[in-house]
Amino acid sequence: MSDIALRFAQVEKRYAGVPALNRLSLEVRHGEFFGLVGVNGAGKTTLIKCLLDFCDADAGAVEIFGIPHSATAARARLAYLPERFSPPFYLTGRDFLRYMLKLYRAPYDEGAVTRVFGALDLLPSALDRPARTYSKGMTQKLGLASCLLSGKDLYVLDEPAGGLDPKARALLKAQLAALNRAGRTVFFTSHALADVAEMCDRMAVLHAGQLRFAGTPREFAGRYGASDLEQAFLACIAD
């Protein structure tokens, strides 16, 4: 098995001639907890779309565990949660999880589902309710539950804490930390730099489609002589 979970090599992507990703090269090691940060429009979601073969990169190469990202087999080992997650409104929570776990080729186990729901502060009764009755926070928890139940080696999460209250955020961080301790790879985007500082082995800053930094949170703060990641981030993206 490759020691590199994700490899981006000189990736370029343009929209109407405007660069969204500009010759970006980055590696995420197997078993790392890796945070990708940047302002809105920096190119984070575009990078994930290229990774998942949702859009074609104009140049460069992307590999998942050493396999070209365009090969179906490359994506078999990952679970993904989009930034704007919206399950089919007519499915119940249970139906949605059964559907997703079938796609992930993972078994549906009611006991495991109940445990994950409890770990995310989601009542088991939500399993019998249609998704259209869920609040924003409940919807996000349902998407997170489907990922956590997948048993995959790699988790690609675009703003996974979006819509969660402080309690749910803390519970989510505990679940992600458990994945990390189990040797799984977590690659996520976040605007919460305090969470990145607390949880990530390494991080990267993407700005205007360019990679401005890649390294540990401590190295990031040290490079800019900052007391925290927020001050380091402002210095990093300054023109």
C-alpha atoms as a PDB file:
ATOM      1  CA  MET A   1       0.000   0.000   0.000  1.00  0.00           C
ATOM      2  CA  SER A   2       1.293   3.461  -0.921  1.00  0.00           C
ATOM      3  CA  ASP A   3       2.485   5.626   1.965  1.00  0.00           C
ATOM      4  CA  ILE A   4       0.947   8.599   0.164  1.00  0.00           C
ATOM      5  CA  ALA A   5      -2.832   8.763   0.405  1.00  0.00           C
ATOM      6  CA  LEU A   6      -3.262  11.778  -1.885  1.00  0.00           C
ATOM      7  CA  ARG A   7      -0.889  13.283  -4.421  1.00  0.00           C
ATOM      8  CA  PHE A   8      -1.582  16.432  -6.425  1.00  0.00           C
ATOM      9  CA  ALA A   9       1.132  17.163  -8.999  1.00  0.00           C
ATOM     10  CA  GLN A  10       1.137  20.517 -10.817  1.00  0.00           C
ATOM     11  CA  VAL A  11      -2.666  20.603 -10.948  1.00  0.00           C
ATOM     12  CA  GLU A  12      -4.224  23.425 -12.934  1.00  0.00           C
ATOM     13  CA  LYS A  13      -7.885  24.319 -13.346  1.00  0.00           C
ATOM     14  CA  ARG A  14      -9.368  27.362 -15.062  1.00  0.00           C
ATOM     15  CA  TYR A  15     -12.915  28.669 -15.323  1.00  0.00           C
ATOM     16  CA  ALA A  16     -13.500  31.009 -18.264  1.00  0.00           C
ATOM     17  CA  GLY A  17      -9.766  31.549 -18.437  1.00  0.00           C
ATOM     18  CA  VAL A  18      -9.458  32.495 -14.765  1.00  0.00           C
ATOM     19  CA  PRO A  19      -7.179  30.164 -12.762  1.00  0.00           C
ATOM     20  CA  ALA A  20      -8.921  28.406  -9.872  1.00  0.00           C
ATOM     21  CA  LEU A  21      -5.873  26.174  -9.252  1.00  0.00           C
ATOM     22  CA  ASN A  22      -2.431  27.261 -10.390  1.00  0.00           C
ATOM     23  CA  ARG A  23       0.208  24.479 -10.699  1.00  0.00           C
ATOM     24  CA  LEU A  24      -0.657  23.104  -7.271  1.00  0.00           C
ATOM     25  CA  SER A  25       1.447  20.272  -5.855  1.00  0.00           C
ATOM     26  CA  LEU A  26       0.632  18.670  -2.494  1.00  0.00           C
ATOM     27  CA  GLU A  27       0.921  15.296  -0.780  1.00  0.00           C
ATOM     28  CA  VAL A  28      -1.095  13.856   2.110  1.00  0.00           C
ATOM     29  CA  ARG A  29       0.436  10.855   3.837  1.00  0.00           C
ATOM     30  CA  HIS A  30      -1.447   7.729   4.783  1.00  0.00           C
ATOM     31  CA  GLY A  31      -2.797   8.082   8.336  1.00  0.00           C
ATOM     32  CA  GLU A  32      -2.502  11.877   8.440  1.00  0.00           C
ATOM     33  CA  PHE A  33      -5.080  14.304   9.733  1.00  0.00           C
ATOM     34  CA  PHE A  34      -4.733  17.088   7.148  1.00  0.00           C
ATOM     35  CA  GLY A  35      -6.533  20.426   7.103  1.00  0.00           C
ATOM     36  CA  LEU A  36      -6.958  22.624   4.027  1.00  0.00           C
ATOM     37  CA  VAL A  37      -7.763  26.262   4.778  1.00  0.00           C
ATOM     38  CA  GLY A  38      -8.426  29.369   2.738  1.00  0.00           C
ATOM     39  CA  VAL A  39     -10.898  32.170   2.193  1.00  0.00           C
ATOM     40  CA  ASN A  40     -14.096  31.593   0.231  1.00  0.00           C
ATOM     41  CA  GLY A  41     -13.206  31.151  -3.418  1.00  0.00           C
ATOM     42  CA  ALA A  42      -9.597  30.173  -2.721  1.00  0.00           C
ATOM     43  CA  GLY A  43      -9.980  26.915  -4.669  1.00  0.00           C
ATOM     44  CA  LYS A  44     -10.532  24.382  -1.869  1.00  0.00           C
ATOM     45  CA  THR A  45     -13.741  22.869  -3.231  1.00  0.00           C
ATOM     46  CA  THR A  46     -12.352  22.940  -6.779  1.00  0.00           C
ATOM     47  CA  LEU A  47      -9.372  20.906  -5.566  1.00  0.00           C
ATOM     48  CA  ILE A  48     -11.730  18.344  -4.034  1.00  0.00           C
ATOM     49  CA  LYS A  49     -13.801  18.216  -7.227  1.00  0.00           C
ATOM     50  CA  CYS A  50     -10.646  17.481  -9.220  1.00  0.00           C
ATOM     51  CA  LEU A  51      -9.660  14.838  -6.669  1.00  0.00           C
ATOM     52  CA  LEU A  52     -13.003  13.067  -6.985  1.00  0.00           C
ATOM     53  CA  ASP A  53     -13.074  13.392 -10.797  1.00  0.00           C
ATOM     54  CA  PHE A  54     -16.160  15.604 -10.639  1.00  0.00           C
ATOM     55  CA  CYS A  55     -14.404  17.966 -13.025  1.00  0.00           C
ATOM     56  CA  ASP A  56     -11.428  17.663 -15.353  1.00  0.00           C
ATOM     57  CA  ALA A  57      -8.177  19.338 -14.389  1.00  0.00           C
ATOM     58  CA  ASP A  58      -6.652  21.309 -17.253  1.00  0.00           C
ATOM     59  CA  ALA A  59      -3.178  20.001 -16.410  1.00  0.00           C
ATOM     60  CA  GLY A  60      -1.351  17.938 -13.828  1.00  0.00           C
ATOM     61  CA  ALA A  61      -2.060  14.618 -12.149  1.00  0.00           C
ATOM     62  CA  VAL A  62      -3.949  13.425  -9.073  1.00  0.00           C
ATOM     63  CA  GLU A  63      -3.457  10.060  -7.380  1.00  0.00           C
ATOM     64  CA  ILE A  64      -5.315   8.317  -4.554  1.00  0.00           C
ATOM     65  CA  PHE A  65      -3.198   5.664  -2.822  1.00  0.00           C
ATOM     66  CA  GLY A  66      -0.983   5.570  -5.903  1.00  0.00           C
ATOM     67  CA  ILE A  67      -3.857   5.069  -8.365  1.00  0.00           C
ATOM     68  CA  PRO A  68      -4.877   7.761 -10.905  1.00  0.00           C
ATOM     69  CA  HIS A  69      -7.933   9.534  -9.545  1.00  0.00           C
ATOM     70  CA  SER A  70      -9.941   8.940 -12.716  1.00  0.00           C
ATOM     71  CA  ALA A  71      -9.895   5.180 -12.116  1.00  0.00           C
ATOM     72  CA  THR A  72     -12.979   3.947 -10.279  1.00  0.00           C
ATOM     73  CA  ALA A  73     -10.800   1.721  -8.096  1.00  0.00           C
ATOM     74  CA  ALA A  74      -8.997   4.785  -6.721  1.00  0.00           C
ATOM     75  CA  ARG A  75     -12.180   6.090  -5.110  1.00  0.00           C
ATOM     76  CA  ALA A  76     -13.266   2.751  -3.670  1.00  0.00           C
ATOM     77  CA  ARG A  77     -11.314   3.398  -0.470  1.00  0.00           C
ATOM     78  CA  LEU A  78     -12.702   6.821   0.390  1.00  0.00           C
ATOM     79  CA  ALA A  79     -15.832   8.361   1.898  1.00  0.00           C
ATOM     80  CA  TYR A  80     -16.873  11.890   0.951  1.00  0.00           C
ATOM     81  CA  LEU A  81     -19.095  14.577   2.447  1.00  0.00           C
ATOM     82  CA  PRO A  82     -19.746  17.669   0.299  1.00  0.00           C
ATOM     83  CA  GLU A  83     -19.926  21.170   1.717  1.00  0.00           C
ATOM     84  CA  ARG A  84     -23.607  21.542   0.825  1.00  0.00           C
ATOM     85  CA  PHE A  85     -24.902  18.123   1.783  1.00  0.00           C
ATOM     86  CA  SER A  86     -28.566  17.501   0.961  1.00  0.00           C
ATOM     87  CA  PRO A  87     -29.943  13.938   1.112  1.00  0.00           C
ATOM     88  CA  PRO A  88     -32.978  12.959  -0.978  1.00  0.00           C
ATOM     89  CA  PHE A  89     -35.848  14.626   0.889  1.00  0.00           C
ATOM     90  CA  TYR A  90     -38.197  11.679   0.490  1.00  0.00           C
ATOM     91  CA  LEU A  91     -35.920   9.093   2.128  1.00  0.00           C
ATOM     92  CA  THR A  92     -35.985   8.360   5.828  1.00  0.00           C
ATOM     93  CA  GLY A  93     -32.704   8.495   7.713  1.00  0.00           C
ATOM     94  CA  ARG A  94     -32.564   4.699   7.754  1.00  0.00           C
ATOM     95  CA  ASP A  95     -33.291   4.408   4.028  1.00  0.00           C
ATOM     96  CA  PHE A  96     -30.577   6.938   3.252  1.00  0.00           C
ATOM     97  CA  LEU A  97     -27.992   5.091   5.348  1.00  0.00           C
ATOM     98  CA  ARG A  98     -28.932   1.751   3.793  1.00  0.00           C
ATOM     99  CA  TYR A  99     -28.527   3.304   0.347  1.00  0.00           C
ATOM    100  CA  MET A 100     -25.182   4.936   1.131  1.00  0.00           C
ATOM    101  CA  LEU A 101     -23.728   1.877   2.824  1.00  0.00           C
ATOM    102  CA  LYS A 102     -24.729  -0.215  -0.167  1.00  0.00           C
ATOM    103  CA  LEU A 103     -22.806   2.229  -2.374  1.00  0.00           C
ATOM    104  CA  TYR A 104     -19.858   2.015   0.026  1.00  0.00           C
ATOM    105  CA  ARG A 105     -20.169  -1.799  -0.050  1.00  0.00           C
ATOM    106  CA  ALA A 106     -20.404  -1.819   3.731  1.00  0.00           C
ATOM    107  CA  PRO A 107     -22.966  -3.749   5.788  1.00  0.00           C
ATOM    108  CA  TYR A 108     -25.875  -2.022   7.443  1.00  0.00           C
ATOM    109  CA  ASP A 109     -25.856  -2.793  11.168  1.00  0.00           C
ATOM    110  CA  GLU A 110     -28.596  -1.237  13.274  1.00  0.00           C
ATOM    111  CA  GLY A 111     -26.475  -1.417  16.419  1.00  0.00           C
ATOM    112  CA  ALA A 112     -23.569   0.391  14.761  1.00  0.00           C
ATOM    113  CA  VAL A 113     -25.948   3.007  13.387  1.00  0.00           C
ATOM    114  CA  THR A 114     -27.424   3.620  16.833  1.00  0.00           C
ATOM    115  CA  ARG A 115     -23.935   3.990  18.329  1.00  0.00           C
ATOM    116  CA  VAL A 116     -22.850   6.500  15.697  1.00  0.00           C
ATOM    117  CA  PHE A 117     -26.096   8.450  16.080  1.00  0.00           C
ATOM    118  CA  GLY A 118     -25.476   8.589  19.812  1.00  0.00           C
ATOM    119  CA  ALA A 119     -21.885   9.707  19.282  1.00  0.00           C
ATOM    120  CA  LEU A 120     -23.152  12.600  17.130  1.00  0.00           C
ATOM    121  CA  ASP A 121     -26.046  13.490  19.482  1.00  0.00           C
ATOM    122  CA  LEU A 122     -28.668  12.401  16.945  1.00  0.00           C
ATOM    123  CA  LEU A 123     -31.729  10.616  18.328  1.00  0.00           C
ATOM    124  CA  PRO A 124     -32.396   7.095  16.966  1.00  0.00           C
ATOM    125  CA  SER A 125     -36.003   8.190  16.276  1.00  0.00           C
ATOM    126  CA  ALA A 126     -34.597  10.304  13.422  1.00  0.00           C
ATOM    127  CA  LEU A 127     -34.003   7.063  11.513  1.00  0.00           C
ATOM    128  CA  ASP A 128     -37.734   6.756  10.894  1.00  0.00           C
ATOM    129  CA  ARG A 129     -38.244  10.370   9.856  1.00  0.00           C
ATOM    130  CA  PRO A 130     -37.967  11.614   6.255  1.00  0.00           C
ATOM    131  CA  ALA A 131     -34.962  13.832   5.584  1.00  0.00           C
ATOM    132  CA  ARG A 132     -37.224  16.744   4.692  1.00  0.00           C
ATOM    133  CA  THR A 133     -38.150  17.057   8.370  1.00  0.00           C
ATOM    134  CA  TYR A 134     -34.517  17.372   9.505  1.00  0.00           C
ATOM    135  CA  SER A 135     -32.973  20.609  10.685  1.00  0.00           C
ATOM    136  CA  LYS A 136     -29.728  21.779   9.076  1.00  0.00           C
ATOM    137  CA  GLY A 137     -27.710  20.350  11.940  1.00  0.00           C
ATOM    138  CA  MET A 138     -29.515  16.996  11.807  1.00  0.00           C
ATOM    139  CA  THR A 139     -28.958  16.811   8.054  1.00  0.00           C
ATOM    140  CA  GLN A 140     -25.230  17.399   8.512  1.00  0.00           C
ATOM    141  CA  LYS A 141     -25.065  14.724  11.211  1.00  0.00           C
ATOM    142  CA  LEU A 142     -26.792  12.241   8.893  1.00  0.00           C
ATOM    143  CA  GLY A 143     -24.169  12.845   6.222  1.00  0.00           C
ATOM    144  CA  LEU A 144     -21.381  12.499   8.758  1.00  0.00           C
ATOM    145  CA  ALA A 145     -22.916   9.275  10.079  1.00  0.00           C
ATOM    146  CA  SER A 146     -22.897   7.759   6.585  1.00  0.00           C
ATOM    147  CA  CYS A 147     -19.179   8.525   6.284  1.00  0.00           C
ATOM    148  CA  LEU A 148     -18.294   7.244   9.748  1.00  0.00           C
ATOM    149  CA  LEU A 149     -20.161   3.990   9.106  1.00  0.00           C
ATOM    150  CA  SER A 150     -18.430   3.385   5.767  1.00  0.00           C
ATOM    151  CA  GLY A 151     -15.266   1.901   7.274  1.00  0.00           C
ATOM    152  CA  LYS A 152     -13.093   3.477   4.586  1.00  0.00           C
ATOM    153  CA  ASP A 153      -9.371   4.259   4.703  1.00  0.00           C
ATOM    154  CA  LEU A 154      -9.726   7.899   3.590  1.00  0.00           C
ATOM    155  CA  TYR A 155     -12.292  10.550   4.559  1.00  0.00           C
ATOM    156  CA  VAL A 156     -12.638  13.639   2.366  1.00  0.00           C
ATOM    157  CA  LEU A 157     -14.794  16.151   4.200  1.00  0.00           C
ATOM    158  CA  ASP A 158     -15.640  19.611   2.863  1.00  0.00           C
ATOM    159  CA  GLU A 159     -16.487  21.850   5.854  1.00  0.00           C
ATOM    160  CA  PRO A 160     -17.742  18.918   7.970  1.00  0.00           C
ATOM    161  CA  ALA A 161     -18.686  21.118  10.950  1.00  0.00           C
ATOM    162  CA  GLY A 162     -20.968  23.358   8.898  1.00  0.00           C
ATOM    163  CA  GLY A 163     -24.340  23.842  10.606  1.00  0.00           C
ATOM    164  CA  LEU A 164     -23.298  22.100  13.827  1.00  0.00           C
ATOM    165  CA  ASP A 165     -23.791  23.643  17.264  1.00  0.00           C
ATOM    166  CA  PRO A 166     -20.885  23.759  19.765  1.00  0.00           C
ATOM    167  CA  LYS A 167     -21.812  20.430  21.362  1.00  0.00           C
ATOM    168  CA  ALA A 168     -22.092  18.663  18.019  1.00  0.00           C
ATOM    169  CA  ARG A 169     -18.785  20.178  16.863  1.00  0.00           C
ATOM    170  CA  ALA A 170     -17.039  18.812  19.950  1.00  0.00           C
ATOM    171  CA  LEU A 171     -18.586  15.376  19.412  1.00  0.00           C
ATOM    172  CA  LEU A 172     -17.578  15.386  15.749  1.00  0.00           C
ATOM    173  CA  LYS A 173     -13.984  16.238  16.647  1.00  0.00           C
ATOM    174  CA  ALA A 174     -13.935  13.285  19.031  1.00  0.00           C
ATOM    175  CA  GLN A 175     -15.116  10.953  16.259  1.00  0.00           C
ATOM    176  CA  LEU A 176     -12.577  12.289  13.778  1.00  0.00           C
ATOM    177  CA  ALA A 177      -9.801  11.966  16.341  1.00  0.00           C
ATOM    178  CA  ALA A 178     -10.810   8.328  16.828  1.00  0.00           C
ATOM    179  CA  LEU A 179     -10.482   7.752  13.088  1.00  0.00           C
ATOM    180  CA  ASN A 180      -7.043   9.318  13.168  1.00  0.00           C
ATOM    181  CA  ARG A 181      -5.942   7.130  16.074  1.00  0.00           C
ATOM    182  CA  ALA A 182      -7.144   4.102  14.124  1.00  0.00           C
ATOM    183  CA  GLY A 183      -4.737   4.981  11.314  1.00  0.00           C
ATOM    184  CA  ARG A 184      -7.320   6.343   8.886  1.00  0.00           C
ATOM    185  CA  THR A 185      -6.572   9.374   6.733  1.00  0.00           C
ATOM    186  CA  VAL A 186      -8.712  12.484   7.164  1.00  0.00           C
ATOM    187  CA  PHE A 187      -8.522  15.312   4.602  1.00  0.00           C
ATOM    188  CA  PHE A 188     -10.863  18.177   5.370  1.00  0.00           C
ATOM    189  CA  THR A 189     -11.467  21.852   4.689  1.00  0.00           C
ATOM    190  CA  SER A 190     -12.261  24.242   7.499  1.00  0.00           C
ATOM    191  CA  HIS A 191     -12.629  27.922   8.350  1.00  0.00           C
ATOM    192  CA  ALA A 192     -12.099  27.128  12.042  1.00  0.00           C
ATOM    193  CA  LEU A 193      -8.369  27.617  12.453  1.00  0.00           C
ATOM    194  CA  ALA A 194      -8.529  26.711  16.138  1.00  0.00           C
ATOM    195  CA  ASP A 195      -9.791  23.259  15.146  1.00  0.00           C
ATOM    196  CA  VAL A 196      -6.965  22.931  12.621  1.00  0.00           C
ATOM    197  CA  ALA A 197      -4.405  23.857  15.271  1.00  0.00           C
ATOM    198  CA  GLU A 198      -5.887  21.364  17.718  1.00  0.00           C
ATOM    199  CA  MET A 199      -6.400  18.373  15.449  1.00  0.00           C
ATOM    200  CA  CYS A 200      -4.193  18.424  12.373  1.00  0.00           C
ATOM    201  CA  ASP A 201      -0.851  16.718  11.872  1.00  0.00           C
ATOM    202  CA  ARG A 202      -0.300  19.013   8.903  1.00  0.00           C
ATOM    203  CA  MET A 203      -2.163  21.749   7.075  1.00  0.00           C
ATOM    204  CA  ALA A 204      -2.068  23.722   3.852  1.00  0.00           C
ATOM    205  CA  VAL A 205      -3.137  27.244   2.963  1.00  0.00           C
ATOM    206  CA  LEU A 206      -4.679  27.774  -0.452  1.00  0.00           C
ATOM    207  CA  HIS A 207      -5.114  31.350  -1.685  1.00  0.00           C
ATOM    208  CA  ALA A 208      -6.220  32.522  -5.124  1.00  0.00           C
ATOM    209  CA  GLY A 209      -5.600  29.009  -6.431  1.00  0.00           C
ATOM    210  CA  GLN A 210      -2.016  28.909  -5.201  1.00  0.00           C
ATOM    211  CA  LEU A 211      -0.492  26.890  -2.397  1.00  0.00           C
ATOM    212  CA  ARG A 212       0.899  29.424   0.090  1.00  0.00           C
ATOM    213  CA  PHE A 213       1.980  26.984   2.826  1.00  0.00           C
ATOM    214  CA  ALA A 214       2.142  23.291   3.680  1.00  0.00           C
ATOM    215  CA  GLY A 215       3.431  21.954   6.987  1.00  0.00           C
ATOM    216  CA  THR A 216       2.484  21.569  10.629  1.00  0.00           C
ATOM    217  CA  PRO A 217       0.335  24.152  12.434  1.00  0.00           C
ATOM    218  CA  ARG A 218       3.304  24.952  14.675  1.00  0.00           C
ATOM    219  CA  GLU A 219       5.534  25.550  11.663  1.00  0.00           C
ATOM    220  CA  PHE A 220       2.861  27.794  10.168  1.00  0.00           C
ATOM    221  CA  ALA A 221       2.654  30.013  13.240  1.00  0.00           C
ATOM    222  CA  GLY A 222       6.429  30.046  13.565  1.00  0.00           C
ATOM    223  CA  ARG A 223       7.024  31.079   9.969  1.00  0.00           C
ATOM    224  CA  TYR A 224       5.074  34.280  10.502  1.00  0.00           C
ATOM    225  CA  GLY A 225       6.066  34.878  14.111  1.00  0.00           C
ATOM    226  CA  ALA A 226       2.419  34.638  15.110  1.00  0.00           C
ATOM    227  CA  SER A 227       0.878  33.639  18.427  1.00  0.00           C
ATOM    228  CA  ASP A 228      -1.984  31.769  16.741  1.00  0.00           C
ATOM    229  CA  LEU A 229      -3.051  30.483  13.337  1.00  0.00           C
ATOM    230  CA  GLU A 230      -5.439  33.371  12.699  1.00  0.00           C
ATOM    231  CA  GLN A 231      -2.628  35.933  12.779  1.00  0.00           C
ATOM    232  CA  ALA A 232      -0.392  33.617  10.752  1.00  0.00           C
ATOM    233  CA  PHE A 233      -3.158  33.172   8.173  1.00  0.00           C
ATOM    234  CA  LEU A 234      -3.652  36.907   7.730  1.00  0.00           C
ATOM    235  CA  ALA A 235       0.083  37.341   7.217  1.00  0.00           C
ATOM    236  CA  CYS A 236       0.218  34.401   4.803  1.00  0.00           C
ATOM    237  CA  ILE A 237      -2.464  35.683   2.436  1.00  0.00           C
ATOM    238  CA  ALA A 238      -1.374  39.327   2.530  1.00  0.00           C
ATOM    239  CA  ASP A 239      -0.449  40.608  -0.917  1.00  0.00           C
END
